[in-house]
Amino acid sequence: QRGDVSRNTGGNLEEALGRIKAKVFVMPINEDMFFPV
């Protein structure tokens, strides 16, 4: 319930995700009711 990478940046999600240097493939499942695309 409390998963949140922005805890690393004082609640700023854009700043937190902007820290990422990895090449990232975000891979949602099209019919997922928990984590929709």
PDB file of all heavy atoms in Angstrom:
ATOM      1  N   GLN A   1       0.815  -1.210   0.000  1.00  0.00           N
ATOM      2  CA  GLN A   1       0.000   0.000   0.000  1.00  0.00           C
ATOM      3  C   GLN A   1       0.854   1.267   0.000  1.00  0.00           C
ATOM      4  O   GLN A   1       0.471   2.281  -0.582  1.00  0.00           O
ATOM      5  CB  GLN A   1      -0.907   0.017   1.234  1.00  0.00           C
ATOM      6  CG  GLN A   1      -2.062  -0.957   1.191  1.00  0.00           C
ATOM      7  CD  GLN A   1      -2.873  -0.889   2.464  1.00  0.00           C
ATOM      8  OE1 GLN A   1      -2.353  -1.105   3.560  1.00  0.00           O
ATOM      9  NE2 GLN A   1      -4.141  -0.570   2.344  1.00  0.00           N
ATOM     10  N   ARG A   2       2.001   1.218   0.648  1.00  0.00           N
ATOM     11  CA  ARG A   2       2.821   2.408   0.875  1.00  0.00           C
ATOM     12  C   ARG A   2       4.061   2.458  -0.010  1.00  0.00           C
ATOM     13  O   ARG A   2       4.950   3.277   0.220  1.00  0.00           O
ATOM     14  CB  ARG A   2       3.203   2.466   2.359  1.00  0.00           C
ATOM     15  CG  ARG A   2       1.992   2.729   3.235  1.00  0.00           C
ATOM     16  CD  ARG A   2       2.186   2.305   4.673  1.00  0.00           C
ATOM     17  NE  ARG A   2       0.983   2.579   5.461  1.00  0.00           N
ATOM     18  CZ  ARG A   2      -0.096   1.781   5.471  1.00  0.00           C
ATOM     19  NH1 ARG A   2      -0.116   0.654   4.751  1.00  0.00           N
ATOM     20  NH2 ARG A   2      -1.155   2.113   6.191  1.00  0.00           N
ATOM     21  N   GLY A   3       4.107   1.618  -1.023  1.00  0.00           N
ATOM     22  CA  GLY A   3       5.229   1.665  -1.953  1.00  0.00           C
ATOM     23  C   GLY A   3       5.311   3.017  -2.645  1.00  0.00           C
ATOM     24  O   GLY A   3       4.341   3.455  -3.268  1.00  0.00           O
ATOM     25  N   ASP A   4       6.454   3.674  -2.537  1.00  0.00           N
ATOM     26  CA  ASP A   4       6.544   5.053  -3.040  1.00  0.00           C
ATOM     27  C   ASP A   4       8.009   5.479  -3.111  1.00  0.00           C
ATOM     28  O   ASP A   4       8.623   5.795  -2.091  1.00  0.00           O
ATOM     29  CB  ASP A   4       5.760   5.983  -2.115  1.00  0.00           C
ATOM     30  CG  ASP A   4       5.775   7.441  -2.572  1.00  0.00           C
ATOM     31  OD1 ASP A   4       6.319   7.714  -3.655  1.00  0.00           O
ATOM     32  OD2 ASP A   4       5.241   8.279  -1.827  1.00  0.00           O
ATOM     33  N   VAL A   5       8.561   5.517  -4.316  1.00  0.00           N
ATOM     34  CA  VAL A   5       9.969   5.910  -4.459  1.00  0.00           C
ATOM     35  C   VAL A   5      10.191   7.383  -4.144  1.00  0.00           C
ATOM     36  O   VAL A   5      11.333   7.798  -3.889  1.00  0.00           O
ATOM     37  CB  VAL A   5      10.517   5.600  -5.866  1.00  0.00           C
ATOM     38  CG1 VAL A   5      10.489   4.113  -6.150  1.00  0.00           C
ATOM     39  CG2 VAL A   5       9.753   6.380  -6.942  1.00  0.00           C
ATOM     40  N   SER A   6       9.122   8.184  -4.137  1.00  0.00           N
ATOM     41  CA  SER A   6       9.304   9.607  -3.858  1.00  0.00           C
ATOM     42  C   SER A   6       9.632   9.871  -2.393  1.00  0.00           C
ATOM     43  O   SER A   6       9.959  11.002  -2.021  1.00  0.00           O
ATOM     44  CB  SER A   6       8.060  10.405  -4.268  1.00  0.00           C
ATOM     45  OG  SER A   6       6.983  10.208  -3.381  1.00  0.00           O
ATOM     46  N   ARG A   7       9.574   8.830  -1.549  1.00  0.00           N
ATOM     47  CA  ARG A   7      10.067   8.972  -0.177  1.00  0.00           C
ATOM     48  C   ARG A   7      11.553   9.327  -0.175  1.00  0.00           C
ATOM     49  O   ARG A   7      12.058   9.885   0.793  1.00  0.00           O
ATOM     50  CB  ARG A   7       9.851   7.668   0.590  1.00  0.00           C
ATOM     51  CG  ARG A   7       8.411   7.449   1.037  1.00  0.00           C
ATOM     52  CD  ARG A   7       8.185   6.028   1.556  1.00  0.00           C
ATOM     53  NE  ARG A   7       9.178   5.644   2.554  1.00  0.00           N
ATOM     54  CZ  ARG A   7       9.140   5.972   3.829  1.00  0.00           C
ATOM     55  NH1 ARG A   7       8.156   6.748   4.287  1.00  0.00           N
ATOM     56  NH2 ARG A   7      10.071   5.556   4.671  1.00  0.00           N
ATOM     57  N   ASN A   8      12.246   9.017  -1.272  1.00  0.00           N
ATOM     58  CA  ASN A   8      13.671   9.340  -1.383  1.00  0.00           C
ATOM     59  C   ASN A   8      13.913  10.810  -1.718  1.00  0.00           C
ATOM     60  O   ASN A   8      15.050  11.288  -1.644  1.00  0.00           O
ATOM     61  CB  ASN A   8      14.312   8.479  -2.473  1.00  0.00           C
ATOM     62  CG  ASN A   8      14.366   7.010  -2.094  1.00  0.00           C
ATOM     63  OD1 ASN A   8      15.191   6.597  -1.289  1.00  0.00           O
ATOM     64  ND2 ASN A   8      13.479   6.209  -2.681  1.00  0.00           N
ATOM     65  N   THR A   9      12.856  11.522  -2.110  1.00  0.00           N
ATOM     66  CA  THR A   9      13.019  12.904  -2.571  1.00  0.00           C
ATOM     67  C   THR A   9      11.976  13.828  -1.950  1.00  0.00           C
ATOM     68  O   THR A   9      11.471  14.750  -2.605  1.00  0.00           O
ATOM     69  CB  THR A   9      12.918  12.977  -4.113  1.00  0.00           C
ATOM     70  OG1 THR A   9      11.698  12.317  -4.525  1.00  0.00           O
ATOM     71  CG2 THR A   9      14.114  12.323  -4.781  1.00  0.00           C
ATOM     72  N   GLY A  10      11.625  13.572  -0.706  1.00  0.00           N
ATOM     73  CA  GLY A  10      10.698  14.453  -0.014  1.00  0.00           C
ATOM     74  C   GLY A  10       9.319  14.502  -0.614  1.00  0.00           C
ATOM     75  O   GLY A  10       8.622  15.519  -0.503  1.00  0.00           O
ATOM     76  N   GLY A  11       8.894  13.442  -1.289  1.00  0.00           N
ATOM     77  CA  GLY A  11       7.566  13.367  -1.872  1.00  0.00           C
ATOM     78  C   GLY A  11       7.479  13.804  -3.325  1.00  0.00           C
ATOM     79  O   GLY A  11       6.392  13.792  -3.912  1.00  0.00           O
ATOM     80  N   ASN A  12       8.601  14.161  -3.945  1.00  0.00           N
ATOM     81  CA  ASN A  12       8.599  14.619  -5.330  1.00  0.00           C
ATOM     82  C   ASN A  12       8.848  13.430  -6.252  1.00  0.00           C
ATOM     83  O   ASN A  12       9.975  12.974  -6.416  1.00  0.00           O
ATOM     84  CB  ASN A  12       9.684  15.682  -5.537  1.00  0.00           C
ATOM     85  CG  ASN A  12       9.610  16.342  -6.895  1.00  0.00           C
ATOM     86  OD1 ASN A  12       9.315  15.700  -7.907  1.00  0.00           O
ATOM     87  ND2 ASN A  12       9.896  17.638  -6.938  1.00  0.00           N
ATOM     88  N   LEU A  13       7.773  12.890  -6.869  1.00  0.00           N
ATOM     89  CA  LEU A  13       7.889  11.696  -7.703  1.00  0.00           C
ATOM     90  C   LEU A  13       8.696  11.967  -8.968  1.00  0.00           C
ATOM     91  O   LEU A  13       9.525  11.151  -9.381  1.00  0.00           O
ATOM     92  CB  LEU A  13       6.501  11.172  -8.079  1.00  0.00           C
ATOM     93  CG  LEU A  13       6.482   9.892  -8.921  1.00  0.00           C
ATOM     94  CD1 LEU A  13       7.122   8.727  -8.174  1.00  0.00           C
ATOM     95  CD2 LEU A  13       5.050   9.549  -9.333  1.00  0.00           C
ATOM     96  N   GLU A  14       8.475  13.111  -9.576  1.00  0.00           N
ATOM     97  CA  GLU A  14       9.211  13.437 -10.797  1.00  0.00           C
ATOM     98  C   GLU A  14      10.712  13.500 -10.526  1.00  0.00           C
ATOM     99  O   GLU A  14      11.528  13.005 -11.312  1.00  0.00           O
ATOM    100  CB  GLU A  14       8.716  14.758 -11.385  1.00  0.00           C
ATOM    101  CG  GLU A  14       9.376  15.118 -12.710  1.00  0.00           C
ATOM    102  CD  GLU A  14       8.761  16.347 -13.363  1.00  0.00           C
ATOM    103  OE1 GLU A  14       7.844  16.951 -12.764  1.00  0.00           O
ATOM    104  OE2 GLU A  14       9.204  16.702 -14.485  1.00  0.00           O
ATOM    105  N   GLU A  15      11.082  14.095  -9.409  1.00  0.00           N
ATOM    106  CA  GLU A  15      12.501  14.173  -9.057  1.00  0.00           C
ATOM    107  C   GLU A  15      13.066  12.780  -8.783  1.00  0.00           C
ATOM    108  O   GLU A  15      14.196  12.463  -9.202  1.00  0.00           O
ATOM    109  CB  GLU A  15      12.684  15.050  -7.822  1.00  0.00           C
ATOM    110  CG  GLU A  15      14.146  15.192  -7.390  1.00  0.00           C
ATOM    111  CD  GLU A  15      14.309  16.010  -6.116  1.00  0.00           C
ATOM    112  OE1 GLU A  15      13.336  16.670  -5.694  1.00  0.00           O
ATOM    113  OE2 GLU A  15      15.419  15.975  -5.540  1.00  0.00           O
ATOM    114  N   ALA A  16      12.291  11.949  -8.089  1.00  0.00           N
ATOM    115  CA  ALA A  16      12.764  10.601  -7.779  1.00  0.00           C
ATOM    116  C   ALA A  16      12.996   9.790  -9.055  1.00  0.00           C
ATOM    117  O   ALA A  16      14.065   9.192  -9.248  1.00  0.00           O
ATOM    118  CB  ALA A  16      11.760   9.889  -6.878  1.00  0.00           C
ATOM    119  N   LEU A  17      12.017   9.789  -9.948  1.00  0.00           N
ATOM    120  CA  LEU A  17      12.160   9.024 -11.188  1.00  0.00           C
ATOM    121  C   LEU A  17      13.213   9.640 -12.101  1.00  0.00           C
ATOM    122  O   LEU A  17      13.835   8.943 -12.902  1.00  0.00           O
ATOM    123  CB  LEU A  17      10.810   8.921 -11.895  1.00  0.00           C
ATOM    124  CG  LEU A  17       9.742   8.115 -11.131  1.00  0.00           C
ATOM    125  CD1 LEU A  17       8.413   8.139 -11.874  1.00  0.00           C
ATOM    126  CD2 LEU A  17      10.196   6.684 -10.903  1.00  0.00           C
ATOM    127  N   GLY A  18      13.424  10.938 -11.964  1.00  0.00           N
ATOM    128  CA  GLY A  18      14.463  11.601 -12.733  1.00  0.00           C
ATOM    129  C   GLY A  18      15.860  11.213 -12.323  1.00  0.00           C
ATOM    130  O   GLY A  18      16.826  11.440 -13.067  1.00  0.00           O
ATOM    131  N   ARG A  19      16.011  10.613 -11.145  1.00  0.00           N
ATOM    132  CA  ARG A  19      17.314  10.142 -10.679  1.00  0.00           C
ATOM    133  C   ARG A  19      17.788   8.897 -11.431  1.00  0.00           C
ATOM    134  O   ARG A  19      18.972   8.574 -11.418  1.00  0.00           O
ATOM    135  CB  ARG A  19      17.252   9.781  -9.192  1.00  0.00           C
ATOM    136  CG  ARG A  19      17.195  10.932  -8.226  1.00  0.00           C
ATOM    137  CD  ARG A  19      17.261  10.377  -6.796  1.00  0.00           C
ATOM    138  NE  ARG A  19      17.276  11.434  -5.805  1.00  0.00           N
ATOM    139  CZ  ARG A  19      17.415  11.225  -4.506  1.00  0.00           C
ATOM    140  NH1 ARG A  19      17.539   9.982  -4.050  1.00  0.00           N
ATOM    141  NH2 ARG A  19      17.428  12.228  -3.658  1.00  0.00           N
ATOM    142  N   ILE A  20      16.845   8.188 -12.026  1.00  0.00           N
ATOM    143  CA  ILE A  20      17.168   6.882 -12.608  1.00  0.00           C
ATOM    144  C   ILE A  20      18.115   7.043 -13.792  1.00  0.00           C
ATOM    145  O   ILE A  20      17.862   7.827 -14.711  1.00  0.00           O
ATOM    146  CB  ILE A  20      15.882   6.160 -13.049  1.00  0.00           C
ATOM    147  CG1 ILE A  20      15.008   5.851 -11.835  1.00  0.00           C
ATOM    148  CG2 ILE A  20      16.217   4.869 -13.803  1.00  0.00           C
ATOM    149  CD1 ILE A  20      13.663   5.230 -12.175  1.00  0.00           C
ATOM    150  N   LYS A  21      19.208   6.300 -13.772  1.00  0.00           N
ATOM    151  CA  LYS A  21      20.174   6.291 -14.867  1.00  0.00           C
ATOM    152  C   LYS A  21      20.076   5.021 -15.709  1.00  0.00           C
ATOM    153  O   LYS A  21      20.654   4.951 -16.802  1.00  0.00           O
ATOM    154  CB  LYS A  21      21.590   6.437 -14.315  1.00  0.00           C
ATOM    155  CG  LYS A  21      21.851   7.753 -13.602  1.00  0.00           C
ATOM    156  CD  LYS A  21      23.288   7.840 -13.091  1.00  0.00           C
ATOM    157  CE  LYS A  21      23.554   9.153 -12.382  1.00  0.00           C
ATOM    158  NZ  LYS A  21      24.953   9.239 -11.879  1.00  0.00           N
ATOM    159  N   ALA A  22      19.383   4.028 -15.211  1.00  0.00           N
ATOM    160  CA  ALA A  22      19.241   2.761 -15.928  1.00  0.00           C
ATOM    161  C   ALA A  22      18.413   2.950 -17.189  1.00  0.00           C
ATOM    162  O   ALA A  22      17.587   3.871 -17.287  1.00  0.00           O
ATOM    163  CB  ALA A  22      18.565   1.734 -15.032  1.00  0.00           C
ATOM    164  N   LYS A  23      18.632   2.073 -18.157  1.00  0.00           N
ATOM    165  CA  LYS A  23      17.706   1.946 -19.266  1.00  0.00           C
ATOM    166  C   LYS A  23      16.511   1.155 -18.746  1.00  0.00           C
ATOM    167  O   LYS A  23      16.670   0.051 -18.211  1.00  0.00           O
ATOM    168  CB  LYS A  23      18.360   1.211 -20.438  1.00  0.00           C
ATOM    169  CG  LYS A  23      17.406   0.926 -21.608  1.00  0.00           C
ATOM    170  CD  LYS A  23      16.913   2.206 -22.275  1.00  0.00           C
ATOM    171  CE  LYS A  23      15.962   1.898 -23.425  1.00  0.00           C
ATOM    172  NZ  LYS A  23      15.455   3.135 -24.061  1.00  0.00           N
ATOM    173  N   VAL A  24      15.314   1.727 -18.871  1.00  0.00           N
ATOM    174  CA  VAL A  24      14.139   1.137 -18.238  1.00  0.00           C
ATOM    175  C   VAL A  24      13.083   0.773 -19.275  1.00  0.00           C
ATOM    176  O   VAL A  24      12.734   1.586 -20.137  1.00  0.00           O
ATOM    177  CB  VAL A  24      13.522   2.115 -17.210  1.00  0.00           C
ATOM    178  CG1 VAL A  24      12.289   1.507 -16.559  1.00  0.00           C
ATOM    179  CG2 VAL A  24      14.551   2.502 -16.147  1.00  0.00           C
ATOM    180  N   PHE A  25      12.584  -0.453 -19.186  1.00  0.00           N
ATOM    181  CA  PHE A  25      11.389  -0.870 -19.898  1.00  0.00           C
ATOM    182  C   PHE A  25      10.276  -1.024 -18.864  1.00  0.00           C
ATOM    183  O   PHE A  25      10.351  -1.901 -17.996  1.00  0.00           O
ATOM    184  CB  PHE A  25      11.591  -2.207 -20.621  1.00  0.00           C
ATOM    185  CG  PHE A  25      12.316  -2.112 -21.940  1.00  0.00           C
ATOM    186  CD1 PHE A  25      12.891  -0.935 -22.383  1.00  0.00           C
ATOM    187  CD2 PHE A  25      12.425  -3.232 -22.759  1.00  0.00           C
ATOM    188  CE1 PHE A  25      13.559  -0.848 -23.594  1.00  0.00           C
ATOM    189  CE2 PHE A  25      13.091  -3.171 -23.976  1.00  0.00           C
ATOM    190  CZ  PHE A  25      13.662  -1.981 -24.395  1.00  0.00           C
ATOM    191  N   VAL A  26       9.291  -0.148 -18.923  1.00  0.00           N
ATOM    192  CA  VAL A  26       8.122  -0.251 -18.054  1.00  0.00           C
ATOM    193  C   VAL A  26       7.141  -1.198 -18.737  1.00  0.00           C
ATOM    194  O   VAL A  26       6.707  -0.954 -19.862  1.00  0.00           O
ATOM    195  CB  VAL A  26       7.493   1.130 -17.811  1.00  0.00           C
ATOM    196  CG1 VAL A  26       6.183   1.009 -17.035  1.00  0.00           C
ATOM    197  CG2 VAL A  26       8.480   2.037 -17.070  1.00  0.00           C
ATOM    198  N   MET A  27       6.756  -2.295 -18.042  1.00  0.00           N
ATOM    199  CA  MET A  27       6.055  -3.395 -18.692  1.00  0.00           C
ATOM    200  C   MET A  27       4.734  -3.722 -17.981  1.00  0.00           C
ATOM    201  O   MET A  27       4.639  -4.698 -17.238  1.00  0.00           O
ATOM    202  CB  MET A  27       6.982  -4.620 -18.745  1.00  0.00           C
ATOM    203  CG  MET A  27       8.232  -4.385 -19.588  1.00  0.00           C
ATOM    204  SD  MET A  27       9.542  -5.641 -19.395  1.00  0.00           S
ATOM    205  CE  MET A  27       8.689  -7.140 -19.841  1.00  0.00           C
ATOM    206  N   PRO A  28       3.699  -2.913 -18.198  1.00  0.00           N
ATOM    207  CA  PRO A  28       2.396  -3.218 -17.612  1.00  0.00           C
ATOM    208  C   PRO A  28       1.683  -4.326 -18.398  1.00  0.00           C
ATOM    209  O   PRO A  28       2.027  -4.621 -19.546  1.00  0.00           O
ATOM    210  CB  PRO A  28       1.645  -1.893 -17.737  1.00  0.00           C
ATOM    211  CG  PRO A  28       2.234  -1.261 -18.967  1.00  0.00           C
ATOM    212  CD  PRO A  28       3.687  -1.670 -18.979  1.00  0.00           C
ATOM    213  N   ILE A  29       0.676  -4.927 -17.755  1.00  0.00           N
ATOM    214  CA  ILE A  29      -0.179  -5.925 -18.406  1.00  0.00           C
ATOM    215  C   ILE A  29      -1.485  -5.244 -18.805  1.00  0.00           C
ATOM    216  O   ILE A  29      -2.116  -4.567 -17.987  1.00  0.00           O
ATOM    217  CB  ILE A  29      -0.440  -7.120 -17.473  1.00  0.00           C
ATOM    218  CG1 ILE A  29       0.871  -7.861 -17.190  1.00  0.00           C
ATOM    219  CG2 ILE A  29      -1.476  -8.067 -18.059  1.00  0.00           C
ATOM    220  CD1 ILE A  29       0.746  -8.989 -16.185  1.00  0.00           C
ATOM    221  N   ASN A  30      -1.894  -5.419 -20.044  1.00  0.00           N
ATOM    222  CA  ASN A  30      -2.998  -4.626 -20.579  1.00  0.00           C
ATOM    223  C   ASN A  30      -4.330  -4.823 -19.850  1.00  0.00           C
ATOM    224  O   ASN A  30      -5.146  -3.908 -19.781  1.00  0.00           O
ATOM    225  CB  ASN A  30      -3.186  -4.901 -22.083  1.00  0.00           C
ATOM    226  CG  ASN A  30      -3.632  -6.320 -22.374  1.00  0.00           C
ATOM    227  OD1 ASN A  30      -3.310  -7.256 -21.646  1.00  0.00           O
ATOM    228  ND2 ASN A  30      -4.359  -6.495 -23.476  1.00  0.00           N
ATOM    229  N   GLU A  31      -4.587  -5.989 -19.274  1.00  0.00           N
ATOM    230  CA  GLU A  31      -5.856  -6.244 -18.589  1.00  0.00           C
ATOM    231  C   GLU A  31      -5.728  -6.200 -17.060  1.00  0.00           C
ATOM    232  O   GLU A  31      -6.598  -6.679 -16.345  1.00  0.00           O
ATOM    233  CB  GLU A  31      -6.403  -7.621 -19.009  1.00  0.00           C
ATOM    234  CG  GLU A  31      -6.812  -7.719 -20.463  1.00  0.00           C
ATOM    235  CD  GLU A  31      -8.167  -7.088 -20.752  1.00  0.00           C
ATOM    236  OE1 GLU A  31      -8.849  -6.670 -19.792  1.00  0.00           O
ATOM    237  OE2 GLU A  31      -8.551  -7.008 -21.929  1.00  0.00           O
ATOM    238  N   ASP A  32      -4.652  -5.614 -16.566  1.00  0.00           N
ATOM    239  CA  ASP A  32      -4.382  -5.582 -15.129  1.00  0.00           C
ATOM    240  C   ASP A  32      -5.311  -4.588 -14.433  1.00  0.00           C
ATOM    241  O   ASP A  32      -5.342  -3.409 -14.775  1.00  0.00           O
ATOM    242  CB  ASP A  32      -2.920  -5.189 -14.895  1.00  0.00           C
ATOM    243  CG  ASP A  32      -2.440  -5.419 -13.478  1.00  0.00           C
ATOM    244  OD1 ASP A  32      -3.280  -5.546 -12.560  1.00  0.00           O
ATOM    245  OD2 ASP A  32      -1.218  -5.476 -13.278  1.00  0.00           O
ATOM    246  N   MET A  33      -6.067  -5.064 -13.441  1.00  0.00           N
ATOM    247  CA  MET A  33      -6.975  -4.195 -12.699  1.00  0.00           C
ATOM    248  C   MET A  33      -6.307  -3.550 -11.492  1.00  0.00           C
ATOM    249  O   MET A  33      -6.853  -2.617 -10.895  1.00  0.00           O
ATOM    250  CB  MET A  33      -8.212  -4.983 -12.264  1.00  0.00           C
ATOM    251  CG  MET A  33      -9.047  -5.464 -13.454  1.00  0.00           C
ATOM    252  SD  MET A  33     -10.448  -6.503 -12.975  1.00  0.00           S
ATOM    253  CE  MET A  33     -11.521  -5.294 -12.202  1.00  0.00           C
ATOM    254  N   PHE A  34      -5.151  -4.046 -11.089  1.00  0.00           N
ATOM    255  CA  PHE A  34      -4.410  -3.442  -9.982  1.00  0.00           C
ATOM    256  C   PHE A  34      -3.516  -2.301 -10.468  1.00  0.00           C
ATOM    257  O   PHE A  34      -3.461  -1.237  -9.873  1.00  0.00           O
ATOM    258  CB  PHE A  34      -3.553  -4.493  -9.270  1.00  0.00           C
ATOM    259  CG  PHE A  34      -4.283  -5.287  -8.241  1.00  0.00           C
ATOM    260  CD1 PHE A  34      -4.583  -6.618  -8.461  1.00  0.00           C
ATOM    261  CD2 PHE A  34      -4.680  -4.708  -7.047  1.00  0.00           C
ATOM    262  CE1 PHE A  34      -5.264  -7.362  -7.505  1.00  0.00           C
ATOM    263  CE2 PHE A  34      -5.363  -5.445  -6.081  1.00  0.00           C
ATOM    264  CZ  PHE A  34      -5.652  -6.778  -6.324  1.00  0.00           C
ATOM    265  N   PHE A  35      -2.772  -2.563 -11.536  1.00  0.00           N
ATOM    266  CA  PHE A  35      -1.816  -1.579 -12.059  1.00  0.00           C
ATOM    267  C   PHE A  35      -2.092  -1.356 -13.547  1.00  0.00           C
ATOM    268  O   PHE A  35      -1.402  -1.896 -14.405  1.00  0.00           O
ATOM    269  CB  PHE A  35      -0.379  -2.080 -11.852  1.00  0.00           C
ATOM    270  CG  PHE A  35      -0.033  -2.384 -10.422  1.00  0.00           C
ATOM    271  CD1 PHE A  35      -0.035  -3.684  -9.938  1.00  0.00           C
ATOM    272  CD2 PHE A  35       0.306  -1.365  -9.543  1.00  0.00           C
ATOM    273  CE1 PHE A  35       0.283  -3.967  -8.622  1.00  0.00           C
ATOM    274  CE2 PHE A  35       0.628  -1.635  -8.218  1.00  0.00           C
ATOM    275  CZ  PHE A  35       0.613  -2.939  -7.757  1.00  0.00           C
ATOM    276  N   PRO A  36      -3.145  -0.591 -13.882  1.00  0.00           N
ATOM    277  CA  PRO A  36      -3.508  -0.401 -15.285  1.00  0.00           C
ATOM    278  C   PRO A  36      -2.418   0.316 -16.072  1.00  0.00           C
ATOM    279  O   PRO A  36      -1.586   1.037 -15.507  1.00  0.00           O
ATOM    280  CB  PRO A  36      -4.788   0.437 -15.213  1.00  0.00           C
ATOM    281  CG  PRO A  36      -4.800   1.047 -13.857  1.00  0.00           C
ATOM    282  CD  PRO A  36      -4.064   0.113 -12.958  1.00  0.00           C
ATOM    283  N   VAL A  37      -2.458   0.110 -17.372  1.00  0.00           N
ATOM    284  CA  VAL A  37      -1.429   0.657 -18.253  1.00  0.00           C
ATOM    285  C   VAL A  37      -1.305   2.163 -18.083  1.00  0.00           C
ATOM    286  O   VAL A  37      -0.199   2.709 -18.042  1.00  0.00           O
ATOM    287  CB  VAL A  37      -1.732   0.296 -19.728  1.00  0.00           C
ATOM    288  CG1 VAL A  37      -0.763   1.026 -20.665  1.00  0.00           C
ATOM    289  CG2 VAL A  37      -1.642  -1.214 -19.944  1.00  0.00           C
TER     290      VAL A  37
END
